Amino acid sequence: MLRHRALAARHVVLIEYLLQAYFVLTCRPTSRSLLYARTLEGGARGRRIGREEGAAVATAQREREDTRARILAEAVELFSEKGFSATTTRELAERMGFTKAALYYHFHTKDDLLIALLEPIAARITELTAAPGRAGDAGRRDLLAGYAEVVREQHRVIRVLSQDPMIGRDPRVAAIAHTAYERLIEALRLPGSDPVTAQTRVRAALGAIHAALLTALPEDDAALVFAAALAAAGGALGLGEAAAG
């Protein structure tokens, strides 16, 4: 709506310019000065309207993004408490103080919420696997450390994803997760091993990271847990204790 109003304001200014230009060309010199002044005034008014409308559009966009972020944060809370399958959009709307229609404006379904939570994780994994220098043991250690950091930062979302078998029903969710993790597995795969052994060792390494970071207790030393997770993951890949560094 705000964009339409801004566009309409620009059209009005353009029409004013065209009409005034016509009269300037057809009227007497004394009238031309007056029309020129009016043209300048109209142009200034149009620019002011454009700036105001542009600022309003930017503000509305920021507010929408802030609202989406608050909804996603509250969704993680609910999914963590009740599980993804047991949570309804009505509960989320009530918790946010929204009507269900207001929530629908931002996210049509629970799966849309889940995709919005999953996409940043998938994008980060893609970024990690695409980074240069991933060949060799040193590159695999760096990749394991990067992925472990993602799990540590997104542990609540990843815990929700890993605990509910119904999550993968939506083909969009399954495709995003499958693509990201296949890239990760391929980047960590050890050359020269048979495919089954290589893939199993990568899965064991990722499982070590998940098991350590997703089940850590609040009183556990976070740095020690992280280091132990990397050491276990590196050991699964045959990288040795150097992975702990």
Protein backbone atom coordinates (compact mmCIF):
# COMPACT_ATOMS: atom_id res chain seq x y z
CA MET A 1 0.00 0.00 0.00
CA LEU A 2 2.74 2.47 0.92
CA ARG A 3 4.62 1.66 -2.28
CA HIS A 4 1.49 2.26 -4.34
CA ARG A 5 1.00 5.65 -2.68
CA ALA A 6 4.62 6.60 -3.38
CA LEU A 7 4.23 5.61 -7.03
CA ALA A 8 0.99 7.59 -7.31
CA ALA A 9 2.71 10.67 -5.85
CA ARG A 10 5.45 10.44 -8.47
CA HIS A 11 2.86 10.18 -11.24
CA VAL A 12 1.08 13.28 -9.97
CA VAL A 13 4.33 15.26 -9.96
CA LEU A 14 5.15 14.09 -13.49
CA ILE A 15 1.73 15.16 -14.77
CA GLU A 16 2.18 18.55 -13.11
CA TYR A 17 5.51 19.00 -14.86
CA LEU A 18 4.08 18.13 -18.25
CA LEU A 19 1.09 20.47 -17.90
CA GLN A 20 3.19 23.32 -16.62
CA ALA A 21 5.74 22.85 -19.39
CA TYR A 22 2.95 23.11 -21.94
CA PHE A 23 1.67 26.34 -20.46
CA VAL A 24 5.18 27.80 -20.21
CA LEU A 25 5.63 27.27 -23.92
CA THR A 26 2.25 28.79 -24.84
CA CYS A 27 1.80 31.69 -22.40
CA ARG A 28 3.23 35.20 -22.15
CA PRO A 29 6.71 35.79 -20.60
CA THR A 30 5.30 37.32 -17.39
CA SER A 31 3.20 34.22 -16.80
CA ARG A 32 6.14 31.97 -17.51
CA SER A 33 8.01 33.20 -14.44
CA LEU A 34 5.04 32.44 -12.22
CA LEU A 35 4.61 28.98 -13.73
CA TYR A 36 8.31 28.29 -13.36
CA ALA A 37 8.13 29.14 -9.66
CA ARG A 38 5.11 26.86 -9.31
CA THR A 39 6.99 24.10 -11.10
CA LEU A 40 9.88 24.37 -8.65
CA GLU A 41 7.45 24.33 -5.73
CA GLY A 42 5.67 21.26 -7.12
CA GLY A 43 8.96 19.46 -7.65
CA ALA A 44 10.05 20.16 -4.09
CA ARG A 45 6.68 18.94 -2.81
CA GLY A 46 6.96 15.76 -4.86
CA ARG A 47 10.46 15.05 -3.59
CA ARG A 48 9.33 15.60 -0.02
CA ILE A 49 6.41 13.21 -0.48
CA GLY A 50 8.73 10.67 -2.06
CA ARG A 51 11.15 10.87 0.88
CA GLU A 52 8.36 10.54 3.41
CA GLU A 53 6.80 7.59 1.61
CA GLY A 54 10.21 5.93 1.23
CA ALA A 55 10.92 6.34 4.93
CA ALA A 56 7.51 4.88 5.78
CA VAL A 57 8.15 1.86 3.56
CA ALA A 58 11.56 1.28 5.20
CA THR A 59 10.04 1.57 8.69
CA ALA A 60 7.27 -0.87 7.84
CA GLN A 61 9.83 -3.33 6.46
CA ARG A 62 11.94 -3.12 9.63
CA GLU A 63 8.87 -3.65 11.81
CA ARG A 64 7.85 -6.67 9.74
CA GLU A 65 11.33 -8.19 10.05
CA ASP A 66 11.35 -7.54 13.81
CA THR A 67 7.96 -9.21 14.17
CA ARG A 68 9.10 -12.25 12.18
CA ALA A 69 12.19 -12.55 14.39
CA ARG A 70 10.04 -12.43 17.56
CA ILE A 71 7.67 -15.06 16.15
CA LEU A 72 10.57 -17.38 15.30
CA ALA A 73 12.11 -16.96 18.76
CA GLU A 74 8.79 -17.77 20.42
CA ALA A 75 8.28 -20.73 18.08
CA VAL A 76 11.62 -22.20 19.17
CA GLU A 77 10.50 -21.84 22.80
CA LEU A 78 7.23 -23.66 22.15
CA PHE A 79 8.77 -26.36 19.96
CA SER A 80 11.39 -26.97 22.66
CA GLU A 81 8.75 -27.24 25.38
CA LYS A 82 6.10 -29.29 23.60
CA GLY A 83 7.72 -30.69 20.48
CA PHE A 84 7.04 -29.63 16.93
CA SER A 85 4.10 -31.98 16.28
CA ALA A 86 2.29 -31.11 19.52
CA THR A 87 2.51 -27.35 18.98
CA THR A 88 -0.27 -25.56 17.10
CA THR A 89 -0.21 -22.24 15.33
CA ARG A 90 -3.14 -21.17 17.53
CA GLU A 91 -0.99 -21.66 20.63
CA LEU A 92 1.81 -19.67 19.09
CA ALA A 93 -0.54 -16.85 18.10
CA GLU A 94 -2.02 -16.69 21.61
CA ARG A 95 1.44 -16.66 23.16
CA MET A 96 2.44 -13.76 20.91
CA GLY A 97 -0.80 -11.90 21.61
CA PHE A 98 -1.79 -12.20 17.93
CA THR A 99 -4.89 -13.33 16.18
CA LYS A 100 -4.37 -16.44 14.09
CA ALA A 101 -4.90 -14.30 10.98
CA ALA A 102 -2.10 -11.96 12.05
CA LEU A 103 0.26 -14.91 12.44
CA TYR A 104 -0.87 -16.25 9.06
CA TYR A 105 0.26 -12.97 7.48
CA HIS A 106 3.85 -13.85 8.40
CA PHE A 107 3.80 -17.66 8.32
CA HIS A 108 1.03 -19.71 6.74
CA THR A 109 1.91 -23.03 8.38
CA LYS A 110 4.13 -24.59 11.02
CA ASP A 111 6.31 -25.93 8.24
CA ASP A 112 6.84 -22.36 7.00
CA LEU A 113 8.10 -21.54 10.49
CA LEU A 114 10.36 -24.55 10.43
CA ILE A 115 11.79 -23.62 7.03
CA ALA A 116 12.54 -20.10 8.27
CA LEU A 117 14.44 -21.63 11.20
CA LEU A 118 16.25 -24.18 9.05
CA GLU A 119 17.34 -21.97 6.15
CA PRO A 120 20.00 -19.98 8.09
CA ILE A 121 21.53 -23.24 9.34
CA ALA A 122 21.57 -24.72 5.84
CA ALA A 123 23.06 -21.51 4.44
CA ARG A 124 25.83 -21.58 7.06
CA ILE A 125 26.65 -25.22 6.28
CA THR A 126 26.79 -24.39 2.57
CA GLU A 127 29.11 -21.48 3.30
CA LEU A 128 31.39 -23.71 5.38
CA THR A 129 31.62 -26.44 2.77
CA ALA A 130 32.23 -23.96 -0.05
CA ALA A 131 35.10 -22.21 1.70
CA PRO A 132 38.55 -22.73 0.14
CA GLY A 133 41.16 -24.96 1.74
CA ARG A 134 38.88 -27.80 2.80
CA ALA A 135 41.10 -30.55 1.39
CA GLY A 136 43.33 -32.59 3.68
CA ASP A 137 43.18 -33.25 7.40
CA ALA A 138 43.61 -29.58 8.33
CA GLY A 139 40.67 -28.58 6.13
CA ARG A 140 38.47 -31.29 7.63
CA ARG A 141 39.38 -30.20 11.15
CA ASP A 142 38.41 -26.62 10.31
CA LEU A 143 35.14 -27.81 8.79
CA LEU A 144 34.32 -29.91 11.86
CA ALA A 145 35.07 -26.92 14.10
CA GLY A 146 32.89 -24.66 11.97
CA TYR A 147 30.00 -27.11 12.02
CA ALA A 148 30.36 -27.63 15.77
CA GLU A 149 30.10 -23.86 16.19
CA VAL A 150 26.87 -23.87 14.16
CA VAL A 151 25.47 -26.62 16.41
CA ARG A 152 26.51 -24.73 19.52
CA GLU A 153 24.86 -21.50 18.32
CA GLN A 154 21.71 -23.19 16.99
CA HIS A 155 21.49 -26.05 19.48
CA ARG A 156 17.85 -25.44 20.37
CA VAL A 157 16.68 -25.46 16.77
CA ILE A 158 18.83 -28.47 15.86
CA ARG A 159 17.55 -30.34 18.92
CA VAL A 160 13.97 -29.72 17.78
CA LEU A 161 14.86 -30.90 14.26
CA SER A 162 16.51 -34.08 15.53
CA GLN A 163 13.87 -35.11 18.07
CA ASP A 164 10.65 -35.14 16.05
CA PRO A 165 10.39 -37.76 13.26
CA MET A 166 7.39 -35.94 11.77
CA ILE A 167 9.47 -32.92 10.83
CA GLY A 168 10.62 -34.35 7.52
CA ARG A 169 7.10 -34.82 6.14
CA ASP A 170 7.18 -31.54 4.25
CA PRO A 171 9.27 -32.15 1.12
CA ARG A 172 10.58 -28.57 1.28
CA VAL A 173 12.01 -29.17 4.76
CA ALA A 174 13.46 -32.53 3.73
CA ALA A 175 15.06 -31.04 0.61
CA ILE A 176 16.75 -28.17 2.48
CA ALA A 177 18.13 -30.43 5.21
CA HIS A 178 19.17 -33.21 2.82
CA THR A 179 21.01 -30.87 0.46
CA ALA A 180 22.94 -29.14 3.24
CA TYR A 181 23.98 -32.32 5.03
CA GLU A 182 24.90 -34.16 1.84
CA ARG A 183 27.31 -31.32 1.07
CA LEU A 184 28.74 -31.59 4.57
CA ILE A 185 29.15 -35.35 4.35
CA GLU A 186 30.81 -35.11 0.95
CA ALA A 187 33.22 -32.41 2.15
CA LEU A 188 34.24 -34.50 5.20
CA ARG A 189 34.48 -37.82 3.38
CA LEU A 190 37.95 -39.37 3.52
CA PRO A 191 39.44 -40.14 0.11
CA GLY A 192 40.57 -43.67 -0.62
CA SER A 193 38.02 -45.40 1.63
CA ASP A 194 35.18 -47.48 0.33
CA PRO A 195 31.94 -45.42 0.15
CA VAL A 196 30.16 -47.18 3.00
CA THR A 197 33.08 -46.87 5.41
CA ALA A 198 33.74 -43.25 4.47
CA GLN A 199 30.10 -42.21 4.87
CA THR A 200 29.70 -44.12 8.13
CA ARG A 201 32.75 -42.43 9.64
CA VAL A 202 31.43 -38.99 8.68
CA ARG A 203 28.06 -39.76 10.22
CA ALA A 204 29.79 -40.97 13.36
CA ALA A 205 31.77 -37.72 13.51
CA LEU A 206 28.65 -35.58 13.13
CA GLY A 207 26.84 -37.77 15.64
CA ALA A 208 29.63 -37.18 18.16
CA ILE A 209 29.19 -33.42 17.79
CA HIS A 210 25.41 -33.67 18.15
CA ALA A 211 25.57 -36.01 21.13
CA ALA A 212 28.06 -33.87 22.99
CA LEU A 213 26.61 -30.42 22.33
CA LEU A 214 22.89 -31.19 22.31
CA THR A 215 22.90 -33.19 25.56
CA ALA A 216 25.37 -31.10 27.57
CA LEU A 217 24.14 -30.08 31.00
CA PRO A 218 23.90 -26.40 32.01
CA GLU A 219 26.56 -26.91 34.69
CA ASP A 220 29.04 -28.53 32.26
CA ASP A 221 32.09 -26.50 31.25
CA ALA A 222 31.12 -25.36 27.74
CA ALA A 223 34.71 -25.05 26.52
CA LEU A 224 35.59 -28.57 27.67
CA VAL A 225 32.44 -30.00 26.09
CA PHE A 226 33.21 -28.28 22.80
CA ALA A 227 36.83 -29.50 22.79
CA ALA A 228 35.77 -33.05 23.64
CA ALA A 229 33.16 -33.01 20.88
CA LEU A 230 35.78 -32.00 18.32
CA ALA A 231 38.22 -34.62 19.59
CA ALA A 232 35.58 -37.36 19.31
CA ALA A 233 34.53 -36.18 15.84
CA GLY A 234 38.13 -36.01 14.67
CA GLY A 235 38.77 -39.47 16.05
CA ALA A 236 35.82 -40.85 14.10
CA LEU A 237 37.38 -39.46 10.91
CA GLY A 238 40.85 -40.66 11.86
CA LEU A 239 42.16 -37.14 12.39
CA GLY A 240 43.41 -37.84 15.89
CA GLU A 241 43.45 -35.65 18.95
CA ALA A 242 44.68 -32.65 16.93
CA ALA A 243 41.02 -32.02 16.12
CA ALA A 244 40.58 -30.77 19.67
CA GLY A 245 42.68 -27.67 18.87
